Amino acid sequence: MAQLAGGLARLGNHVTLLYLHASSEPALHADIIARMRQREPAGDVEMVAVDFDRVREGRRYSRPMQLLDLARPQSVAAMAALMRQMPLRLWPHLPLTARRALLTTSLFERCIEFYSDTIRRYRTTAVLIPEDIVGPFWPVAVKAAHANGVPAIVFPYTLADRKEALQSLRQD
């Protein structure tokens, strides 16, 4: 992506490279960020590093606020649809399944809000993504880009197979 950003800058484009990282490996990310900043052509490419864990964590709600959030029409409709599709033998697991579904939906909403805010803040004209994987990160970035009238282009550096997708989502 750094090479792509440099190439676009050499063609006369101003490029803002958004580097999303988790705080899980601060030394690794600090090294990557430092190396990318060294490669920035003067004034043509800027890099913004964002710890994505703050997006993942989201706002902290009290228990009553969580219950009010669940009472939104979209949440109630989603729960009703989930219950209609769930086989009777799985009904004992409904509370856990519902909680996971609501947490996942909330994460996707926070990610869309984050990407939309970022796209507007930097007056983005195109979103270039390094890979297309299952989950709340790149597909949601594409959705936010399209919702803001911005094209999204995937420049893959690898092609993920089914096993890689399952590994990346095993905790979710």
Foldseek 3Di string as FASTA:
>chain_A
DLVVQVVVLVVPAAEEAEAEAAPPDVVVVVVVVVVSVVSDDPRRYHYHYDHCVPLLVDDDDDPVVVVVVCPPPVNVVVLVVVVVPDDPVCVVVSVVVSVVVVSQVSSLVSQLVVLLVVCVVVVDQEAEAAADADGSHVVSNCVSCVVVVHYYHYNYPDHDDPVNNCVVPVVD
